[in-house]
Amino acid sequence: EELKEEMKTRYEETKQQVAVLDNQVKTMENKFEDLKVRVYAILVNVCRSISDPTTTQRSNWKSYWQEQIKLLEELNTVRAKSK
């Protein structure tokens, strides 16, 4: 009887731990998806700028590229913090 109770207790503890880990995995998946979308948008902007710099950058080319670099640095910071 004591063994049965111990097994039930351990099972419930394990079940709770699995639920916590499952939530953590879902959170990380959501963060990864958000990061992926943001990186994709930046890459599209960079490719457009390279293919037609006069349209996308106009006379503000320096500030445009500074903004792109800033966004990439922010994404890198977010990624580093999530480790």
Protein backbone atom coordinates (compact mmCIF):
# COMPACT_ATOMS: atom_id res chain seq x y z
CA GLU A 1 0.00 0.00 0.00
CA GLU A 2 2.81 2.39 0.88
CA LEU A 3 4.54 1.64 -2.41
CA LYS A 4 1.30 2.36 -4.27
CA GLU A 5 1.00 5.77 -2.62
CA GLU A 6 4.62 6.58 -3.36
CA MET A 7 4.11 5.66 -7.01
CA LYS A 8 0.97 7.83 -7.21
CA THR A 9 2.81 10.75 -5.65
CA ARG A 10 5.75 10.39 -8.03
CA TYR A 11 3.40 10.08 -10.99
CA GLU A 12 1.60 13.32 -10.07
CA GLU A 13 4.91 15.14 -9.56
CA THR A 14 6.18 13.93 -12.91
CA LYS A 15 2.90 14.90 -14.57
CA GLN A 16 3.20 18.43 -13.17
CA GLN A 17 6.82 18.71 -14.30
CA VAL A 18 5.85 17.59 -17.80
CA ALA A 19 3.11 20.24 -17.91
CA VAL A 20 5.59 22.94 -16.88
CA LEU A 21 8.10 21.81 -19.49
CA ASP A 22 5.37 21.65 -22.13
CA ASN A 23 4.44 25.27 -21.39
CA GLN A 24 8.08 26.32 -21.57
CA VAL A 25 8.47 24.61 -24.95
CA LYS A 26 5.35 26.36 -26.28
CA THR A 27 6.67 29.71 -25.06
CA MET A 28 10.02 29.13 -26.76
CA GLU A 29 8.29 28.05 -29.97
CA ASN A 30 6.27 31.28 -29.97
CA LYS A 31 9.39 33.37 -29.34
CA PHE A 32 11.22 31.55 -32.12
CA GLU A 33 8.35 32.12 -34.54
CA ASP A 34 8.32 35.84 -33.70
CA LEU A 35 12.08 36.04 -34.17
CA LYS A 36 11.83 34.21 -37.48
CA VAL A 37 9.21 36.66 -38.78
CA ARG A 38 11.25 39.67 -37.71
CA VAL A 39 14.47 38.36 -39.26
CA TYR A 40 12.62 37.56 -42.48
CA ALA A 41 11.23 41.11 -42.66
CA ILE A 42 14.70 42.59 -42.16
CA LEU A 43 16.20 40.34 -44.83
CA VAL A 44 13.46 41.31 -47.27
CA ASN A 45 14.19 44.98 -46.57
CA VAL A 46 17.90 44.44 -47.10
CA CYS A 47 17.34 42.57 -50.37
CA ARG A 48 14.99 45.28 -51.64
CA SER A 49 17.55 47.92 -50.75
CA ILE A 50 20.27 46.10 -52.60
CA SER A 51 18.13 45.52 -55.68
CA ASP A 52 16.77 49.08 -55.87
CA PRO A 53 18.64 51.39 -53.51
CA THR A 54 17.24 54.65 -54.87
CA THR A 55 13.64 53.68 -54.13
CA THR A 56 14.11 52.28 -50.65
CA GLN A 57 16.86 54.49 -49.33
CA ARG A 58 16.55 57.80 -51.18
CA SER A 59 18.91 60.32 -49.65
CA ASN A 60 18.65 58.75 -46.19
CA TRP A 61 20.76 55.73 -47.04
CA LYS A 62 23.00 56.05 -43.98
CA SER A 63 20.15 56.26 -41.46
CA TYR A 64 18.36 53.43 -43.29
CA TRP A 65 21.31 51.08 -42.88
CA GLN A 66 21.86 52.20 -39.29
CA GLU A 67 18.25 51.25 -38.57
CA GLN A 68 18.71 47.83 -40.20
CA ILE A 69 21.85 47.21 -38.14
CA LYS A 70 20.06 48.34 -34.97
CA LEU A 71 17.19 45.91 -35.63
CA LEU A 72 19.60 43.03 -36.18
CA GLU A 73 21.46 43.90 -32.97
CA GLU A 74 18.17 43.95 -31.05
CA LEU A 75 17.25 40.54 -32.42
CA ASN A 76 20.65 39.21 -31.42
CA THR A 77 20.16 40.57 -27.89
CA VAL A 78 16.72 38.95 -27.63
CA ARG A 79 18.15 35.65 -28.86
CA ALA A 80 21.03 35.79 -26.39
CA LYS A 81 18.69 36.50 -23.46
CA SER A 82 16.43 33.58 -24.34
CA LYS A 83 19.26 31.06 -23.96
